[in-house]
mmCIF file of all heavy atoms, coordinates in Angstrom:
data_MODEL
# 
_entry.id   MODEL 
# 
loop_
_atom_site.group_PDB 
_atom_site.id 
_atom_site.type_symbol 
_atom_site.label_atom_id 
_atom_site.label_alt_id 
_atom_site.label_comp_id 
_atom_site.label_asym_id 
_atom_site.label_entity_id 
_atom_site.label_seq_id 
_atom_site.pdbx_PDB_ins_code 
_atom_site.Cartn_x 
_atom_site.Cartn_y 
_atom_site.Cartn_z 
_atom_site.occupancy 
_atom_site.B_iso_or_equiv 
_atom_site.pdbx_formal_charge 
_atom_site.auth_seq_id 
_atom_site.auth_comp_id 
_atom_site.auth_asym_id 
_atom_site.auth_atom_id 
_atom_site.pdbx_PDB_model_num 
ATOM 1   N N   . ALA A 1 1  ? -198.141 -93.084  -33.821 1.00 0.00 ? 1  ALA A N   1 
ATOM 2   C CA  . ALA A 1 1  ? -199.128 -93.713  -34.585 1.00 0.00 ? 1  ALA A CA  1 
ATOM 3   C C   . ALA A 1 1  ? -198.941 -95.191  -34.447 1.00 0.00 ? 1  ALA A C   1 
ATOM 4   O O   . ALA A 1 1  ? -199.874 -96.022  -34.182 1.00 0.00 ? 1  ALA A O   1 
ATOM 5   C CB  . ALA A 1 1  ? -199.100 -93.367  -36.119 1.00 0.00 ? 1  ALA A CB  1 
ATOM 6   N N   . LEU A 1 2  ? -197.697 -95.702  -34.473 1.00 0.00 ? 2  LEU A N   1 
ATOM 7   C CA  . LEU A 1 2  ? -197.393 -97.071  -34.344 1.00 0.00 ? 2  LEU A CA  1 
ATOM 8   C C   . LEU A 1 2  ? -197.826 -97.681  -32.988 1.00 0.00 ? 2  LEU A C   1 
ATOM 9   O O   . LEU A 1 2  ? -198.340 -98.739  -32.919 1.00 0.00 ? 2  LEU A O   1 
ATOM 10  C CB  . LEU A 1 2  ? -195.871 -97.379  -34.609 1.00 0.00 ? 2  LEU A CB  1 
ATOM 11  C CG  . LEU A 1 2  ? -195.306 -97.586  -35.871 1.00 0.00 ? 2  LEU A CG  1 
ATOM 12  C CD1 . LEU A 1 2  ? -193.828 -97.544  -35.958 1.00 0.00 ? 2  LEU A CD1 1 
ATOM 13  C CD2 . LEU A 1 2  ? -195.892 -98.867  -36.469 1.00 0.00 ? 2  LEU A CD2 1 
ATOM 14  N N   . ARG A 1 3  ? -197.642 -96.846  -32.036 1.00 0.00 ? 3  ARG A N   1 
ATOM 15  C CA  . ARG A 1 3  ? -198.064 -97.204  -30.661 1.00 0.00 ? 3  ARG A CA  1 
ATOM 16  C C   . ARG A 1 3  ? -199.553 -97.543  -30.620 1.00 0.00 ? 3  ARG A C   1 
ATOM 17  O O   . ARG A 1 3  ? -200.049 -98.480  -30.077 1.00 0.00 ? 3  ARG A O   1 
ATOM 18  C CB  . ARG A 1 3  ? -197.701 -96.253  -29.621 1.00 0.00 ? 3  ARG A CB  1 
ATOM 19  C CG  . ARG A 1 3  ? -196.283 -96.163  -29.222 1.00 0.00 ? 3  ARG A CG  1 
ATOM 20  C CD  . ARG A 1 3  ? -195.849 -95.185  -28.241 1.00 0.00 ? 3  ARG A CD  1 
ATOM 21  N NE  . ARG A 1 3  ? -194.458 -95.052  -28.001 1.00 0.00 ? 3  ARG A NE  1 
ATOM 22  C CZ  . ARG A 1 3  ? -193.959 -94.116  -27.375 1.00 0.00 ? 3  ARG A CZ  1 
ATOM 23  N NH1 . ARG A 1 3  ? -194.613 -93.114  -26.870 1.00 0.00 ? 3  ARG A NH1 1 
ATOM 24  N NH2 . ARG A 1 3  ? -192.559 -94.077  -27.283 1.00 0.00 ? 3  ARG A NH2 1 
ATOM 25  N N   . LYS A 1 4  ? -200.347 -96.654  -31.277 1.00 0.00 ? 4  LYS A N   1 
ATOM 26  C CA  . LYS A 1 4  ? -201.745 -96.807  -31.330 1.00 0.00 ? 4  LYS A CA  1 
ATOM 27  C C   . LYS A 1 4  ? -202.149 -97.952  -32.027 1.00 0.00 ? 4  LYS A C   1 
ATOM 28  O O   . LYS A 1 4  ? -203.016 -98.863  -31.586 1.00 0.00 ? 4  LYS A O   1 
ATOM 29  C CB  . LYS A 1 4  ? -202.513 -95.486  -31.842 1.00 0.00 ? 4  LYS A CB  1 
ATOM 30  C CG  . LYS A 1 4  ? -202.373 -94.363  -31.039 1.00 0.00 ? 4  LYS A CG  1 
ATOM 31  C CD  . LYS A 1 4  ? -203.132 -94.594  -29.687 1.00 0.00 ? 4  LYS A CD  1 
ATOM 32  C CE  . LYS A 1 4  ? -202.982 -93.390  -28.764 1.00 0.00 ? 4  LYS A CE  1 
ATOM 33  N NZ  . LYS A 1 4  ? -203.616 -93.644  -27.502 1.00 0.00 ? 4  LYS A NZ  1 
ATOM 34  N N   . PHE A 1 5  ? -201.578 -98.288  -33.172 1.00 0.00 ? 5  PHE A N   1 
ATOM 35  C CA  . PHE A 1 5  ? -201.813 -99.491  -33.947 1.00 0.00 ? 5  PHE A CA  1 
ATOM 36  C C   . PHE A 1 5  ? -201.441 -100.728 -33.151 1.00 0.00 ? 5  PHE A C   1 
ATOM 37  O O   . PHE A 1 5  ? -202.152 -101.741 -33.303 1.00 0.00 ? 5  PHE A O   1 
ATOM 38  C CB  . PHE A 1 5  ? -201.142 -99.457  -35.386 1.00 0.00 ? 5  PHE A CB  1 
ATOM 39  C CG  . PHE A 1 5  ? -201.543 -98.309  -36.227 1.00 0.00 ? 5  PHE A CG  1 
ATOM 40  C CD1 . PHE A 1 5  ? -200.792 -97.550  -36.778 1.00 0.00 ? 5  PHE A CD1 1 
ATOM 41  C CD2 . PHE A 1 5  ? -203.049 -98.035  -36.398 1.00 0.00 ? 5  PHE A CD2 1 
ATOM 42  C CE1 . PHE A 1 5  ? -201.274 -96.308  -37.615 1.00 0.00 ? 5  PHE A CE1 1 
ATOM 43  C CE2 . PHE A 1 5  ? -203.538 -97.107  -37.270 1.00 0.00 ? 5  PHE A CE2 1 
ATOM 44  C CZ  . PHE A 1 5  ? -202.677 -96.239  -37.838 1.00 0.00 ? 5  PHE A CZ  1 
ATOM 45  N N   . TYR A 1 6  ? -200.349 -100.777 -32.341 1.00 0.00 ? 6  TYR A N   1 
ATOM 46  C CA  . TYR A 1 6  ? -199.872 -101.828 -31.708 1.00 0.00 ? 6  TYR A CA  1 
ATOM 47  C C   . TYR A 1 6  ? -200.913 -102.006 -30.533 1.00 0.00 ? 6  TYR A C   1 
ATOM 48  O O   . TYR A 1 6  ? -201.188 -103.148 -30.199 1.00 0.00 ? 6  TYR A O   1 
ATOM 49  C CB  . TYR A 1 6  ? -198.457 -101.759 -31.176 1.00 0.00 ? 6  TYR A CB  1 
ATOM 50  C CG  . TYR A 1 6  ? -197.481 -102.207 -32.242 1.00 0.00 ? 6  TYR A CG  1 
ATOM 51  C CD1 . TYR A 1 6  ? -196.564 -101.418 -32.842 1.00 0.00 ? 6  TYR A CD1 1 
ATOM 52  C CD2 . TYR A 1 6  ? -197.469 -103.640 -32.495 1.00 0.00 ? 6  TYR A CD2 1 
ATOM 53  C CE1 . TYR A 1 6  ? -195.684 -101.925 -33.806 1.00 0.00 ? 6  TYR A CE1 1 
ATOM 54  C CE2 . TYR A 1 6  ? -196.601 -104.088 -33.464 1.00 0.00 ? 6  TYR A CE2 1 
ATOM 55  C CZ  . TYR A 1 6  ? -195.665 -103.340 -34.130 1.00 0.00 ? 6  TYR A CZ  1 
ATOM 56  O OH  . TYR A 1 6  ? -194.871 -103.754 -35.068 1.00 0.00 ? 6  TYR A OH  1 
ATOM 57  N N   . GLU A 1 7  ? -201.317 -101.055 -29.925 1.00 0.00 ? 7  GLU A N   1 
ATOM 58  C CA  . GLU A 1 7  ? -202.497 -101.131 -28.906 1.00 0.00 ? 7  GLU A CA  1 
ATOM 59  C C   . GLU A 1 7  ? -203.675 -101.801 -29.495 1.00 0.00 ? 7  GLU A C   1 
ATOM 60  O O   . GLU A 1 7  ? -204.227 -102.677 -28.765 1.00 0.00 ? 7  GLU A O   1 
ATOM 61  C CB  . GLU A 1 7  ? -202.905 -99.814  -28.376 1.00 0.00 ? 7  GLU A CB  1 
ATOM 62  C CG  . GLU A 1 7  ? -201.878 -99.166  -27.433 1.00 0.00 ? 7  GLU A CG  1 
ATOM 63  C CD  . GLU A 1 7  ? -202.453 -97.697  -26.980 1.00 0.00 ? 7  GLU A CD  1 
ATOM 64  O OE1 . GLU A 1 7  ? -203.551 -97.685  -26.442 1.00 0.00 ? 7  GLU A OE1 1 
ATOM 65  O OE2 . GLU A 1 7  ? -201.568 -96.870  -26.901 1.00 0.00 ? 7  GLU A OE2 1 
ATOM 66  N N   . ALA A 1 8  ? -204.071 -101.453 -30.655 1.00 0.00 ? 8  ALA A N   1 
ATOM 67  C CA  . ALA A 1 8  ? -205.153 -102.108 -31.415 1.00 0.00 ? 8  ALA A CA  1 
ATOM 68  C C   . ALA A 1 8  ? -204.919 -103.633 -31.643 1.00 0.00 ? 8  ALA A C   1 
ATOM 69  O O   . ALA A 1 8  ? -205.699 -104.394 -31.367 1.00 0.00 ? 8  ALA A O   1 
ATOM 70  C CB  . ALA A 1 8  ? -205.500 -101.352 -32.672 1.00 0.00 ? 8  ALA A CB  1 
ATOM 71  N N   . TRP A 1 9  ? -203.670 -103.866 -32.054 1.00 0.00 ? 9  TRP A N   1 
ATOM 72  C CA  . TRP A 1 9  ? -203.220 -105.272 -32.343 1.00 0.00 ? 9  TRP A CA  1 
ATOM 73  C C   . TRP A 1 9  ? -203.362 -106.158 -31.001 1.00 0.00 ? 9  TRP A C   1 
ATOM 74  O O   . TRP A 1 9  ? -203.897 -107.235 -31.130 1.00 0.00 ? 9  TRP A O   1 
ATOM 75  C CB  . TRP A 1 9  ? -201.815 -105.330 -32.800 1.00 0.00 ? 9  TRP A CB  1 
ATOM 76  C CG  . TRP A 1 9  ? -201.337 -106.723 -33.011 1.00 0.00 ? 9  TRP A CG  1 
ATOM 77  C CD1 . TRP A 1 9  ? -200.361 -107.381 -32.128 1.00 0.00 ? 9  TRP A CD1 1 
ATOM 78  C CD2 . TRP A 1 9  ? -201.698 -107.583 -34.112 1.00 0.00 ? 9  TRP A CD2 1 
ATOM 79  N NE1 . TRP A 1 9  ? -200.256 -108.587 -32.813 1.00 0.00 ? 9  TRP A NE1 1 
ATOM 80  C CE2 . TRP A 1 9  ? -201.038 -108.762 -33.911 1.00 0.00 ? 9  TRP A CE2 1 
ATOM 81  C CE3 . TRP A 1 9  ? -202.460 -107.356 -35.223 1.00 0.00 ? 9  TRP A CE3 1 
ATOM 82  C CZ2 . TRP A 1 9  ? -201.008 -109.836 -34.844 1.00 0.00 ? 9  TRP A CZ2 1 
ATOM 83  C CZ3 . TRP A 1 9  ? -202.564 -108.436 -36.194 1.00 0.00 ? 9  TRP A CZ3 1 
ATOM 84  C CH2 . TRP A 1 9  ? -201.856 -109.674 -35.896 1.00 0.00 ? 9  TRP A CH2 1 
ATOM 85  N N   . MET A 1 10 ? -203.019 -105.524 -29.868 1.00 0.00 ? 10 MET A N   1 
ATOM 86  C CA  . MET A 1 10 ? -203.134 -106.345 -28.628 1.00 0.00 ? 10 MET A CA  1 
ATOM 87  C C   . MET A 1 10 ? -204.494 -106.684 -28.304 1.00 0.00 ? 10 MET A C   1 
ATOM 88  O O   . MET A 1 10 ? -204.817 -107.604 -27.528 1.00 0.00 ? 10 MET A O   1 
ATOM 89  C CB  . MET A 1 10 ? -202.487 -105.549 -27.482 1.00 0.00 ? 10 MET A CB  1 
ATOM 90  C CG  . MET A 1 10 ? -200.942 -105.346 -27.728 1.00 0.00 ? 10 MET A CG  1 
ATOM 91  S SD  . MET A 1 10 ? -200.031 -106.826 -27.938 1.00 0.00 ? 10 MET A SD  1 
ATOM 92  C CE  . MET A 1 10 ? -200.222 -107.643 -26.464 1.00 0.00 ? 10 MET A CE  1 
ATOM 93  N N   . LEU A 1 11 ? -205.514 -105.913 -28.813 1.00 0.00 ? 11 LEU A N   1 
ATOM 94  C CA  . LEU A 1 11 ? -206.991 -106.268 -28.465 1.00 0.00 ? 11 LEU A CA  1 
ATOM 95  C C   . LEU A 1 11 ? -207.563 -107.317 -29.422 1.00 0.00 ? 11 LEU A C   1 
ATOM 96  O O   . LEU A 1 11 ? -208.668 -107.785 -29.203 1.00 0.00 ? 11 LEU A O   1 
ATOM 97  C CB  . LEU A 1 11 ? -207.802 -104.917 -28.692 1.00 0.00 ? 11 LEU A CB  1 
ATOM 98  C CG  . LEU A 1 11 ? -207.438 -103.856 -27.682 1.00 0.00 ? 11 LEU A CG  1 
ATOM 99  C CD1 . LEU A 1 11 ? -208.239 -102.620 -27.970 1.00 0.00 ? 11 LEU A CD1 1 
ATOM 100 C CD2 . LEU A 1 11 ? -207.744 -104.366 -26.210 1.00 0.00 ? 11 LEU A CD2 1 
ATOM 101 N N   . LEU A 1 12 ? -206.843 -107.699 -30.435 1.00 0.00 ? 12 LEU A N   1 
ATOM 102 C CA  . LEU A 1 12 ? -207.399 -108.791 -31.339 1.00 0.00 ? 12 LEU A CA  1 
ATOM 103 C C   . LEU A 1 12 ? -207.338 -110.095 -30.745 1.00 0.00 ? 12 LEU A C   1 
ATOM 104 O O   . LEU A 1 12 ? -206.311 -110.489 -30.164 1.00 0.00 ? 12 LEU A O   1 
ATOM 105 C CB  . LEU A 1 12 ? -206.494 -108.780 -32.669 1.00 0.00 ? 12 LEU A CB  1 
ATOM 106 C CG  . LEU A 1 12 ? -206.720 -107.445 -33.525 1.00 0.00 ? 12 LEU A CG  1 
ATOM 107 C CD1 . LEU A 1 12 ? -205.590 -107.232 -34.500 1.00 0.00 ? 12 LEU A CD1 1 
ATOM 108 C CD2 . LEU A 1 12 ? -208.070 -107.693 -34.300 1.00 0.00 ? 12 LEU A CD2 1 
ATOM 109 N N   . PRO A 1 13 ? -208.424 -110.865 -30.890 1.00 0.00 ? 13 PRO A N   1 
ATOM 110 C CA  . PRO A 1 13 ? -208.417 -112.299 -30.353 1.00 0.00 ? 13 PRO A CA  1 
ATOM 111 C C   . PRO A 1 13 ? -207.471 -113.159 -31.140 1.00 0.00 ? 13 PRO A C   1 
ATOM 112 O O   . PRO A 1 13 ? -207.244 -112.822 -32.375 1.00 0.00 ? 13 PRO A O   1 
ATOM 113 C CB  . PRO A 1 13 ? -209.921 -112.616 -30.429 1.00 0.00 ? 13 PRO A CB  1 
ATOM 114 C CG  . PRO A 1 13 ? -210.626 -111.566 -31.136 1.00 0.00 ? 13 PRO A CG  1 
ATOM 115 C CD  . PRO A 1 13 ? -209.694 -110.452 -31.404 1.00 0.00 ? 13 PRO A CD  1 
ATOM 116 N N   . LYS A 1 14 ? -206.950 -114.183 -30.574 1.00 0.00 ? 14 LYS A N   1 
ATOM 117 C CA  . LYS A 1 14 ? -206.264 -115.182 -31.296 1.00 0.00 ? 14 LYS A CA  1 
ATOM 118 C C   . LYS A 1 14 ? -207.220 -116.231 -31.882 1.00 0.00 ? 14 LYS A C   1 
ATOM 119 O O   . LYS A 1 14 ? -208.134 -116.548 -31.278 1.00 0.00 ? 14 LYS A O   1 
ATOM 120 C CB  . LYS A 1 14 ? -205.252 -115.720 -30.315 1.00 0.00 ? 14 LYS A CB  1 
ATOM 121 C CG  . LYS A 1 14 ? -204.203 -114.684 -30.013 1.00 0.00 ? 14 LYS A CG  1 
ATOM 122 C CD  . LYS A 1 14 ? -203.138 -115.373 -29.002 1.00 0.00 ? 14 LYS A CD  1 
ATOM 123 C CE  . LYS A 1 14 ? -201.949 -114.566 -28.702 1.00 0.00 ? 14 LYS A CE  1 
ATOM 124 N NZ  . LYS A 1 14 ? -202.089 -113.191 -28.135 1.00 0.00 ? 14 LYS A NZ  1 
ATOM 125 N N   . PRO A 1 15 ? -206.855 -116.751 -33.033 1.00 0.00 ? 15 PRO A N   1 
ATOM 126 C CA  . PRO A 1 15 ? -205.786 -116.416 -33.971 1.00 0.00 ? 15 PRO A CA  1 
ATOM 127 C C   . PRO A 1 15 ? -206.149 -115.271 -34.684 1.00 0.00 ? 15 PRO A C   1 
ATOM 128 O O   . PRO A 1 15 ? -207.113 -115.159 -35.352 1.00 0.00 ? 15 PRO A O   1 
ATOM 129 C CB  . PRO A 1 15 ? -205.519 -117.713 -34.675 1.00 0.00 ? 15 PRO A CB  1 
ATOM 130 C CG  . PRO A 1 15 ? -206.875 -118.330 -34.702 1.00 0.00 ? 15 PRO A CG  1 
ATOM 131 C CD  . PRO A 1 15 ? -207.491 -118.032 -33.435 1.00 0.00 ? 15 PRO A CD  1 
ATOM 132 N N   . GLN A 1 16 ? -205.144 -114.202 -34.673 1.00 0.00 ? 16 GLN A N   1 
ATOM 133 C CA  . GLN A 1 16 ? -205.471 -112.898 -35.299 1.00 0.00 ? 16 GLN A CA  1 
ATOM 134 C C   . GLN A 1 16 ? -205.817 -112.896 -36.740 1.00 0.00 ? 16 GLN A C   1 
ATOM 135 O O   . GLN A 1 16 ? -206.670 -112.271 -37.222 1.00 0.00 ? 16 GLN A O   1 
ATOM 136 C CB  . GLN A 1 16 ? -204.339 -111.860 -35.003 1.00 0.00 ? 16 GLN A CB  1 
ATOM 137 C CG  . GLN A 1 16 ? -204.175 -111.497 -33.643 1.00 0.00 ? 16 GLN A CG  1 
ATOM 138 C CD  . GLN A 1 16 ? -203.174 -112.320 -32.887 1.00 0.00 ? 16 GLN A CD  1 
ATOM 139 O OE1 . GLN A 1 16 ? -202.890 -113.407 -33.197 1.00 0.00 ? 16 GLN A OE1 1 
ATOM 140 N NE2 . GLN A 1 16 ? -202.633 -111.710 -31.732 1.00 0.00 ? 16 GLN A NE2 1 
ATOM 141 N N   . PRO A 1 17 ? -205.121 -113.875 -37.527 1.00 0.00 ? 17 PRO A N   1 
ATOM 142 C CA  . PRO A 1 17 ? -205.391 -113.870 -38.981 1.00 0.00 ? 17 PRO A CA  1 
ATOM 143 C C   . PRO A 1 17 ? -206.857 -114.201 -39.436 1.00 0.00 ? 17 PRO A C   1 
ATOM 144 O O   . PRO A 1 17 ? -207.242 -113.850 -40.460 1.00 0.00 ? 17 PRO A O   1 
ATOM 145 C CB  . PRO A 1 17 ? -204.373 -114.760 -39.641 1.00 0.00 ? 17 PRO A CB  1 
ATOM 146 C CG  . PRO A 1 17 ? -203.214 -114.880 -38.592 1.00 0.00 ? 17 PRO A CG  1 
ATOM 147 C CD  . PRO A 1 17 ? -204.042 -114.670 -37.248 1.00 0.00 ? 17 PRO A CD  1 
ATOM 148 N N   . GLU A 1 18 ? -207.613 -114.736 -38.504 1.00 0.00 ? 18 GLU A N   1 
ATOM 149 C CA  . GLU A 1 18 ? -208.956 -114.959 -38.757 1.00 0.00 ? 18 GLU A CA  1 
ATOM 150 C C   . GLU A 1 18 ? -209.888 -113.779 -38.752 1.00 0.00 ? 18 GLU A C   1 
ATOM 151 O O   . GLU A 1 18 ? -211.033 -113.847 -39.212 1.00 0.00 ? 18 GLU A O   1 
ATOM 152 C CB  . GLU A 1 18 ? -209.608 -115.984 -37.680 1.00 0.00 ? 18 GLU A CB  1 
ATOM 153 C CG  . GLU A 1 18 ? -208.924 -117.322 -37.799 1.00 0.00 ? 18 GLU A CG  1 
ATOM 154 C CD  . GLU A 1 18 ? -209.615 -118.384 -36.814 1.00 0.00 ? 18 GLU A CD  1 
ATOM 155 O OE1 . GLU A 1 18 ? -210.443 -117.938 -36.057 1.00 0.00 ? 18 GLU A OE1 1 
ATOM 156 O OE2 . GLU A 1 18 ? -209.035 -119.506 -36.818 1.00 0.00 ? 18 GLU A OE2 1 
ATOM 157 N N   . TYR A 1 19 ? -209.360 -112.572 -38.401 1.00 0.00 ? 19 TYR A N   1 
ATOM 158 C CA  . TYR A 1 19 ? -210.270 -111.330 -38.365 1.00 0.00 ? 19 TYR A CA  1 
ATOM 159 C C   . TYR A 1 19 ? -209.732 -110.461 -39.363 1.00 0.00 ? 19 TYR A C   1 
ATOM 160 O O   . TYR A 1 19 ? -208.466 -110.038 -39.474 1.00 0.00 ? 19 TYR A O   1 
ATOM 161 C CB  . TYR A 1 19 ? -210.149 -110.712 -36.913 1.00 0.00 ? 19 TYR A CB  1 
ATOM 162 C CG  . TYR A 1 19 ? -210.701 -111.801 -35.941 1.00 0.00 ? 19 TYR A CG  1 
ATOM 163 C CD1 . TYR A 1 19 ? -209.799 -112.558 -35.306 1.00 0.00 ? 19 TYR A CD1 1 
ATOM 164 C CD2 . TYR A 1 19 ? -212.053 -111.840 -35.726 1.00 0.00 ? 19 TYR A CD2 1 
ATOM 165 C CE1 . TYR A 1 19 ? -210.206 -113.474 -34.290 1.00 0.00 ? 19 TYR A CE1 1 
ATOM 166 C CE2 . TYR A 1 19 ? -212.466 -112.794 -34.792 1.00 0.00 ? 19 TYR A CE2 1 
ATOM 167 C CZ  . TYR A 1 19 ? -211.579 -113.641 -34.085 1.00 0.00 ? 19 TYR A CZ  1 
ATOM 168 O OH  . TYR A 1 19 ? -212.116 -114.549 -33.191 1.00 0.00 ? 19 TYR A OH  1 
ATOM 169 N N   . VAL A 1 20 ? -210.638 -109.701 -40.134 1.00 0.00 ? 20 VAL A N   1 
ATOM 170 C CA  . VAL A 1 20 ? -210.345 -108.826 -41.041 1.00 0.00 ? 20 VAL A CA  1 
ATOM 171 C C   . VAL A 1 20 ? -209.657 -107.586 -40.395 1.00 0.00 ? 20 VAL A C   1 
ATOM 172 O O   . VAL A 1 20 ? -208.721 -106.930 -41.078 1.00 0.00 ? 20 VAL A O   1 
ATOM 173 C CB  . VAL A 1 20 ? -211.538 -108.385 -41.932 1.00 0.00 ? 20 VAL A CB  1 
ATOM 174 C CG1 . VAL A 1 20 ? -212.524 -107.604 -41.138 1.00 0.00 ? 20 VAL A CG1 1 
ATOM 175 C CG2 . VAL A 1 20 ? -211.212 -107.654 -43.184 1.00 0.00 ? 20 VAL A CG2 1 
ATOM 176 N N   . GLU A 1 21 ? -210.029 -107.257 -39.252 1.00 0.00 ? 21 GLU A N   1 
ATOM 177 C CA  . GLU A 1 21 ? -209.374 -106.087 -38.552 1.00 0.00 ? 21 GLU A CA  1 
ATOM 178 C C   . GLU A 1 21 ? -207.908 -106.353 -38.274 1.00 0.00 ? 21 GLU A C   1 
ATOM 179 O O   . GLU A 1 21 ? -207.218 -105.354 -38.355 1.00 0.00 ? 21 GLU A O   1 
ATOM 180 C CB  . GLU A 1 21 ? -210.059 -106.058 -37.150 1.00 0.00 ? 21 GLU A CB  1 
ATOM 181 C CG  . GLU A 1 21 ? -211.483 -105.564 -37.170 1.00 0.00 ? 21 GLU A CG  1 
ATOM 182 C CD  . GLU A 1 21 ? -212.471 -106.677 -37.331 1.00 0.00 ? 21 GLU A CD  1 
ATOM 183 O OE1 . GLU A 1 21 ? -212.064 -107.925 -37.467 1.00 0.00 ? 21 GLU A OE1 1 
ATOM 184 O OE2 . GLU A 1 21 ? -213.620 -106.424 -37.364 1.00 0.00 ? 21 GLU A OE2 1 
ATOM 185 N N   . SER A 1 22 ? -207.415 -107.479 -38.356 1.00 0.00 ? 22 SER A N   1 
ATOM 186 C CA  . SER A 1 22 ? -206.012 -107.808 -38.290 1.00 0.00 ? 22 SER A CA  1 
ATOM 187 C C   . SER A 1 22 ? -205.287 -107.346 -39.438 1.00 0.00 ? 22 SER A C   1 
ATOM 188 O O   . SER A 1 22 ? -204.223 -106.721 -39.385 1.00 0.00 ? 22 SER A O   1 
ATOM 189 C CB  . SER A 1 22 ? -205.712 -109.222 -38.139 1.00 0.00 ? 22 SER A CB  1 
ATOM 190 O OG  . SER A 1 22 ? -206.269 -109.734 -36.846 1.00 0.00 ? 22 SER A OG  1 
ATOM 191 N N   . GLY A 1 23 ? -205.962 -107.503 -40.614 1.00 0.00 ? 23 GLY A N   1 
ATOM 192 C CA  . GLY A 1 23 ? -205.366 -106.976 -41.833 1.00 0.00 ? 23 GLY A CA  1 
ATOM 193 C C   . GLY A 1 23 ? -205.301 -105.396 -41.928 1.00 0.00 ? 23 GLY A C   1 
ATOM 194 O O   . GLY A 1 23 ? -204.292 -104.899 -42.282 1.00 0.00 ? 23 GLY A O   1 
ATOM 195 N N   . TRP A 1 24 ? -206.295 -104.852 -41.296 1.00 0.00 ? 24 TRP A N   1 
ATOM 196 C CA  . TRP A 1 24 ? -206.267 -103.305 -41.225 1.00 0.00 ? 24 TRP A CA  1 
ATOM 197 C C   . TRP A 1 24 ? -205.205 -102.881 -40.391 1.00 0.00 ? 24 TRP A C   1 
ATOM 198 O O   . TRP A 1 24 ? -204.503 -101.964 -40.888 1.00 0.00 ? 24 TRP A O   1 
ATOM 199 C CB  . TRP A 1 24 ? -207.568 -102.873 -40.667 1.00 0.00 ? 24 TRP A CB  1 
ATOM 200 C CG  . TRP A 1 24 ? -208.867 -103.203 -41.299 1.00 0.00 ? 24 TRP A CG  1 
ATOM 201 C CD1 . TRP A 1 24 ? -209.082 -103.700 -42.551 1.00 0.00 ? 24 TRP A CD1 1 
ATOM 202 C CD2 . TRP A 1 24 ? -210.182 -103.128 -40.668 1.00 0.00 ? 24 TRP A CD2 1 
ATOM 203 N NE1 . TRP A 1 24 ? -210.430 -103.943 -42.687 1.00 0.00 ? 24 TRP A NE1 1 
ATOM 204 C CE2 . TRP A 1 24 ? -211.073 -103.578 -41.453 1.00 0.00 ? 24 TRP A CE2 1 
ATOM 205 C CE3 . TRP A 1 24 ? -210.555 -102.753 -39.373 1.00 0.00 ? 24 TRP A CE3 1 
ATOM 206 C CZ2 . TRP A 1 24 ? -212.471 -103.681 -41.265 1.00 0.00 ? 24 TRP A CZ2 1 
ATOM 207 C CZ3 . TRP A 1 24 ? -211.901 -102.764 -39.142 1.00 0.00 ? 24 TRP A CZ3 1 
ATOM 208 C CH2 . TRP A 1 24 ? -212.904 -103.250 -40.024 1.00 0.00 ? 24 TRP A CH2 1 
ATOM 209 N N   . VAL A 1 25 ? -204.977 -103.462 -39.223 1.00 0.00 ? 25 VAL A N   1 
ATOM 210 C CA  . VAL A 1 25 ? -203.940 -102.985 -38.317 1.00 0.00 ? 25 VAL A CA  1 
ATOM 211 C C   . VAL A 1 25 ? -202.625 -103.291 -38.781 1.00 0.00 ? 25 VAL A C   1 
ATOM 212 O O   . VAL A 1 25 ? -201.735 -102.357 -38.795 1.00 0.00 ? 25 VAL A O   1 
ATOM 213 C CB  . VAL A 1 25 ? -204.288 -103.625 -36.912 1.00 0.00 ? 25 VAL A CB  1 
ATOM 214 C CG1 . VAL A 1 25 ? -203.050 -103.420 -36.040 1.00 0.00 ? 25 VAL A CG1 1 
ATOM 215 C CG2 . VAL A 1 25 ? -205.596 -103.277 -36.220 1.00 0.00 ? 25 VAL A CG2 1 
ATOM 216 N N   . LEU A 1 26 ? -202.374 -104.490 -39.317 1.00 0.00 ? 26 LEU A N   1 
ATOM 217 C CA  . LEU A 1 26 ? -200.988 -104.808 -39.832 1.00 0.00 ? 26 LEU A CA  1 
ATOM 218 C C   . LEU A 1 26 ? -200.741 -103.865 -41.003 1.00 0.00 ? 26 LEU A C   1 
ATOM 219 O O   . LEU A 1 26 ? -199.544 -103.584 -41.190 1.00 0.00 ? 26 LEU A O   1 
ATOM 220 C CB  . LEU A 1 26 ? -200.938 -106.268 -40.174 1.00 0.00 ? 26 LEU A CB  1 
ATOM 221 C CG  . LEU A 1 26 ? -200.800 -107.197 -39.021 1.00 0.00 ? 26 LEU A CG  1 
ATOM 222 C CD1 . LEU A 1 26 ? -200.945 -108.601 -39.419 1.00 0.00 ? 26 LEU A CD1 1 
ATOM 223 C CD2 . LEU A 1 26 ? -199.567 -106.980 -38.315 1.00 0.00 ? 26 LEU A CD2 1 
ATOM 224 N N   . SER A 1 27 ? -201.595 -103.628 -41.921 1.00 0.00 ? 27 SER A N   1 
ATOM 225 C CA  . SER A 1 27 ? -201.294 -102.769 -43.100 1.00 0.00 ? 27 SER A CA  1 
ATOM 226 C C   . SER A 1 27 ? -200.961 -101.306 -42.488 1.00 0.00 ? 27 SER A C   1 
ATOM 227 O O   . SER A 1 27 ? -200.045 -100.757 -43.098 1.00 0.00 ? 27 SER A O   1 
ATOM 228 C CB  . SER A 1 27 ? -202.443 -102.776 -44.058 1.00 0.00 ? 27 SER A CB  1 
ATOM 229 O OG  . SER A 1 27 ? -203.645 -102.309 -43.577 1.00 0.00 ? 27 SER A OG  1 
ATOM 230 N N   . ALA A 1 28 ? -201.631 -100.812 -41.470 1.00 0.00 ? 28 ALA A N   1 
ATOM 231 C CA  . ALA A 1 28 ? -201.312 -99.533  -40.976 1.00 0.00 ? 28 ALA A CA  1 
ATOM 232 C C   . ALA A 1 28 ? -199.952 -99.513  -40.316 1.00 0.00 ? 28 ALA A C   1 
ATOM 233 O O   . ALA A 1 28 ? -199.201 -98.567  -40.416 1.00 0.00 ? 28 ALA A O   1 
ATOM 234 C CB  . ALA A 1 28 ? -202.389 -99.152  -39.878 1.00 0.00 ? 28 ALA A CB  1 
# 
């Protein structure tokens, strides 16, 4: 599961904290 969440993290544009999706991924 962590691998999938980290794959998702790698798709987030920088700076990641600007996107709500980053919060979803980091909380997971």
